[in-house]
Amino acid sequence: MEPHGLASVCTPTNVEASGGTAINVQLYLLRHATHADFGRRLTGRAPGVPLTPEGERQAAVLGRRLAPEALTEIQTSPRERARATAEAVARASGASVTVVDALDEIDFGDWTGAEFAALNGQPLWDDWNTRRALVRIPSGESMDEAAGRIARHVDALAASGTGGRIALVTHCDMIRALVARVLGLSFDNILRFEIGPASVSRLEAGPWGARVLSLNETTGMTA
């Protein structure tokens, strides 16, 4: 998915430039709820890592919050923390859950499982956090590769023409990467916006491209 041109605010979003009717897909980008390594370790694709009791509460609240949205499908990263969040949303909405590899966490390669205290101060880690457009993780992915796989998945959902309201349960930097790609932002700037645990960010995607409708919605997460 190349950076998308946004539809004009004066143009109905369900109408293509050619005048034909398009069925756009509404996407709810959900970051998984809080897990046992949160803030301490770079979990990445490490196996296991369940939600904490607080994370389970967040996921349940998220499910209740999204229930009125009439989700047609829930797609999730294969990581346990994402699947647990997806299942909580499914219990509240009744939508089915599908595991999708394109939503997986960034492959953090040699950094997987490392404590942040050990990473801080390492030159390549510092570069990753300031120049993500250029840096490749040792034995892992580049930001462009990670963004590319989730963007291609969103493009495929839009191209299907079936529309719907689909929740994509994934990870903080995967959501940042997709939003940056849609808005045409440099990956160097993705730390300038927050994607909190169990937050909702919304996109609309269609034949004309995609646009961001909201970012990092957390209202109601204390309920």
Protein backbone atom coordinates (compact mmCIF):
# COMPACT_ATOMS: atom_id res chain seq x y z
CA MET A 1 0.00 0.00 0.00
CA GLU A 2 1.60 3.25 -1.08
CA PRO A 3 0.78 6.43 0.87
CA HIS A 4 -2.91 6.98 0.24
CA GLY A 5 -4.45 10.18 -1.02
CA LEU A 6 -7.32 11.05 1.28
CA ALA A 7 -10.81 11.34 -0.13
CA SER A 8 -12.03 14.91 -0.29
CA VAL A 9 -14.11 15.92 2.70
CA CYS A 10 -16.67 17.13 0.14
CA THR A 11 -16.91 13.74 -1.58
CA PRO A 12 -19.16 10.98 -0.17
CA THR A 13 -16.82 8.15 0.79
CA ASN A 14 -18.99 5.44 -0.73
CA VAL A 15 -18.78 6.92 -4.22
CA GLU A 16 -15.83 6.31 -6.50
CA ALA A 17 -14.35 9.10 -8.60
CA SER A 18 -15.89 7.40 -11.64
CA GLY A 19 -19.34 7.83 -10.15
CA GLY A 20 -19.90 4.15 -9.36
CA THR A 21 -20.89 2.97 -5.91
CA ALA A 22 -18.16 1.36 -3.84
CA ILE A 23 -18.56 -0.67 -0.66
CA ASN A 24 -15.90 0.50 1.76
CA VAL A 25 -14.65 -1.51 4.71
CA GLN A 26 -14.60 -0.08 8.21
CA LEU A 27 -11.53 -1.21 10.13
CA TYR A 28 -11.11 -1.12 13.89
CA LEU A 29 -7.41 -1.38 14.73
CA LEU A 30 -7.19 -2.77 18.25
CA ARG A 31 -3.98 -2.94 20.22
CA HIS A 32 -3.96 -5.96 22.52
CA ALA A 33 -4.54 -5.37 26.22
CA THR A 34 -1.80 -5.21 28.87
CA HIS A 35 0.38 -8.31 29.20
CA ALA A 36 2.87 -9.66 31.71
CA ASP A 37 5.97 -8.13 30.06
CA PHE A 38 4.47 -4.69 29.50
CA GLY A 39 7.02 -1.89 30.02
CA ARG A 40 9.76 -4.31 31.09
CA ARG A 41 10.72 -6.51 28.18
CA LEU A 42 10.60 -6.38 24.38
CA THR A 43 8.22 -9.28 23.99
CA GLY A 44 8.07 -9.36 20.20
CA ARG A 45 7.18 -12.84 19.00
CA ALA A 46 8.27 -14.63 22.17
CA PRO A 47 5.90 -17.54 22.90
CA GLY A 48 3.33 -17.36 25.64
CA VAL A 49 3.03 -14.04 27.48
CA PRO A 50 -0.60 -13.92 28.65
CA LEU A 51 -2.65 -10.91 29.62
CA THR A 52 -2.41 -9.73 33.20
CA PRO A 53 -5.61 -9.55 35.29
CA GLU A 54 -5.70 -5.85 34.42
CA GLY A 55 -5.30 -6.76 30.75
CA GLU A 56 -8.19 -9.22 30.99
CA ARG A 57 -10.33 -6.46 32.48
CA GLN A 58 -9.29 -4.06 29.69
CA ALA A 59 -10.16 -6.64 27.04
CA ALA A 60 -13.58 -7.27 28.57
CA VAL A 61 -14.31 -3.53 28.68
CA LEU A 62 -13.12 -3.21 25.07
CA GLY A 63 -15.50 -5.98 24.05
CA ARG A 64 -18.47 -4.29 25.72
CA ARG A 65 -17.52 -1.00 24.14
CA LEU A 66 -17.39 -2.46 20.63
CA ALA A 67 -20.53 -4.60 20.95
CA PRO A 68 -22.82 -1.87 19.52
CA GLU A 69 -20.56 -1.54 16.44
CA ALA A 70 -21.96 -4.79 14.96
CA LEU A 71 -18.57 -6.19 13.96
CA THR A 72 -18.77 -8.63 11.07
CA GLU A 73 -15.41 -10.29 11.74
CA ILE A 74 -12.46 -10.19 14.12
CA GLN A 75 -8.98 -10.89 12.77
CA THR A 76 -6.03 -11.26 15.10
CA SER A 77 -2.29 -11.61 15.33
CA PRO A 78 -1.22 -15.13 16.32
CA ARG A 79 0.40 -13.90 19.57
CA GLU A 80 -1.32 -15.10 22.76
CA ARG A 81 -1.91 -11.59 24.10
CA ALA A 82 -3.64 -10.58 20.86
CA ARG A 83 -5.72 -13.75 20.64
CA ALA A 84 -6.91 -13.34 24.23
CA THR A 85 -7.97 -9.77 23.46
CA ALA A 86 -9.74 -10.89 20.28
CA GLU A 87 -11.60 -13.64 22.13
CA ALA A 88 -12.86 -11.15 24.73
CA VAL A 89 -14.16 -8.88 21.97
CA ALA A 90 -15.75 -11.90 20.26
CA ARG A 91 -17.60 -12.92 23.42
CA ALA A 92 -19.23 -9.49 23.55
CA SER A 93 -19.91 -9.09 19.83
CA GLY A 94 -20.63 -12.62 18.63
CA ALA A 95 -18.28 -12.15 15.65
CA SER A 96 -15.97 -14.98 14.62
CA VAL A 97 -12.19 -14.82 15.16
CA THR A 98 -9.61 -15.60 12.47
CA VAL A 99 -5.84 -15.69 13.04
CA VAL A 100 -4.02 -13.70 10.33
CA ASP A 101 -0.23 -13.82 10.06
CA ALA A 102 -0.10 -10.38 8.42
CA LEU A 103 -1.17 -8.90 11.78
CA ASP A 104 1.72 -10.50 13.68
CA GLU A 105 4.09 -8.43 15.78
CA ILE A 106 7.21 -6.97 14.18
CA ASP A 107 9.95 -9.60 14.03
CA PHE A 108 12.39 -8.18 16.57
CA GLY A 109 15.00 -10.80 15.75
CA ASP A 110 17.94 -10.78 18.18
CA TRP A 111 16.16 -8.31 20.44
CA THR A 112 13.20 -10.61 21.14
CA GLY A 113 12.75 -11.05 24.88
CA ALA A 114 15.42 -8.51 25.83
CA GLU A 115 14.77 -6.23 28.79
CA PHE A 116 14.47 -2.57 27.88
CA ALA A 117 17.04 -1.74 30.57
CA ALA A 118 19.60 -3.84 28.68
CA LEU A 119 18.70 -2.34 25.28
CA ASN A 120 18.79 1.30 26.36
CA GLY A 121 22.08 2.89 25.38
CA GLN A 122 22.93 0.39 22.66
CA PRO A 123 23.71 2.40 19.49
CA LEU A 124 21.54 0.32 17.14
CA TRP A 125 18.61 0.38 19.57
CA ASP A 126 18.93 4.15 19.85
CA ASP A 127 19.04 4.38 16.05
CA TRP A 128 15.90 2.22 15.81
CA ASN A 129 14.05 4.68 18.01
CA THR A 130 15.20 7.77 16.12
CA ARG A 131 15.72 6.62 12.50
CA ARG A 132 13.27 3.80 11.91
CA ALA A 133 13.00 4.53 8.22
CA LEU A 134 16.62 3.37 7.79
CA VAL A 135 17.38 0.80 10.49
CA ARG A 136 16.91 -2.96 10.22
CA ILE A 137 16.55 -5.01 13.40
CA PRO A 138 19.39 -7.55 13.75
CA SER A 139 18.04 -10.83 12.28
CA GLY A 140 14.59 -9.22 12.13
CA GLU A 141 12.38 -6.97 10.04
CA SER A 142 12.70 -3.43 8.85
CA MET A 143 9.86 -1.04 9.58
CA ASP A 144 9.05 -0.90 5.88
CA GLU A 145 8.70 -4.69 5.69
CA ALA A 146 6.40 -4.79 8.72
CA ALA A 147 4.29 -1.93 7.38
CA GLY A 148 4.15 -3.56 3.97
CA ARG A 149 2.59 -6.80 5.15
CA ILE A 150 -0.19 -5.20 7.17
CA ALA A 151 -0.80 -2.62 4.42
CA ARG A 152 -1.12 -5.34 1.77
CA HIS A 153 -3.65 -7.11 3.98
CA VAL A 154 -5.72 -3.94 4.33
CA ASP A 155 -5.52 -3.42 0.57
CA ALA A 156 -6.85 -6.95 0.05
CA LEU A 157 -9.76 -6.33 2.43
CA ALA A 158 -10.61 -3.12 0.58
CA ALA A 159 -10.31 -4.78 -2.84
CA SER A 160 -12.69 -7.59 -1.87
CA GLY A 161 -15.62 -5.19 -2.22
CA THR A 162 -17.54 -6.94 0.55
CA GLY A 163 -17.38 -4.05 2.99
CA GLY A 164 -18.15 -4.88 6.59
CA ARG A 165 -16.87 -3.82 9.99
CA ILE A 166 -13.71 -5.74 10.80
CA ALA A 167 -11.65 -5.57 13.98
CA LEU A 168 -7.92 -6.15 13.47
CA VAL A 169 -6.25 -7.07 16.76
CA THR A 170 -2.55 -6.40 16.49
CA HIS A 171 0.37 -4.59 18.12
CA CYS A 172 1.38 -1.03 18.94
CA ASP A 173 4.05 -0.50 16.30
CA MET A 174 2.08 -2.40 13.66
CA ILE A 175 -0.77 0.08 14.08
CA ARG A 176 1.67 2.99 14.04
CA ALA A 177 3.29 1.60 10.88
CA LEU A 178 -0.05 1.28 9.08
CA VAL A 179 -1.22 4.75 10.12
CA ALA A 180 2.10 6.25 9.01
CA ARG A 181 1.79 4.49 5.63
CA VAL A 182 -1.77 5.73 5.11
CA LEU A 183 -0.88 9.31 6.06
CA GLY A 184 2.39 9.35 4.13
CA LEU A 185 4.48 9.97 7.28
CA SER A 186 8.10 8.97 7.68
CA PHE A 187 8.59 6.00 9.99
CA ASP A 188 11.05 8.25 11.84
CA ASN A 189 8.02 10.09 13.23
CA ILE A 190 5.85 7.25 14.50
CA LEU A 191 6.77 7.75 18.15
CA ARG A 192 5.03 11.13 17.97
CA PHE A 193 1.63 9.51 18.48
CA GLU A 194 0.53 7.02 21.13
CA ILE A 195 -1.25 3.70 20.67
CA GLY A 196 -2.22 2.53 24.15
CA PRO A 197 -3.15 -0.96 25.36
CA ALA A 198 -6.70 -1.97 24.37
CA SER A 199 -7.08 1.23 22.34
CA VAL A 200 -9.16 1.63 19.17
CA SER A 201 -7.99 3.40 16.02
CA ARG A 202 -10.34 3.48 13.04
CA LEU A 203 -9.71 3.45 9.30
CA GLU A 204 -11.99 3.41 6.30
CA ALA A 205 -10.62 1.75 3.17
CA GLY A 206 -11.96 1.46 -0.35
CA PRO A 207 -10.94 1.60 -4.01
CA TRP A 208 -9.76 5.20 -3.56
CA GLY A 209 -7.37 4.21 -0.74
CA ALA A 210 -7.70 4.60 3.01
CA ARG A 211 -8.16 7.35 5.52
CA VAL A 212 -7.77 7.62 9.28
CA LEU A 213 -11.02 8.29 11.13
CA SER A 214 -9.72 8.20 14.70
CA LEU A 215 -6.58 7.38 16.65
CA ASN A 216 -5.94 5.82 20.06
CA GLU A 217 -9.48 5.95 21.42
CA THR A 218 -9.38 4.91 25.08
CA THR A 219 -12.57 6.53 26.38
CA GLY A 220 -14.42 4.11 28.61
CA MET A 221 -11.44 1.88 29.38
CA THR A 222 -11.74 2.71 33.08
CA ALA A 223 -15.32 1.37 33.22
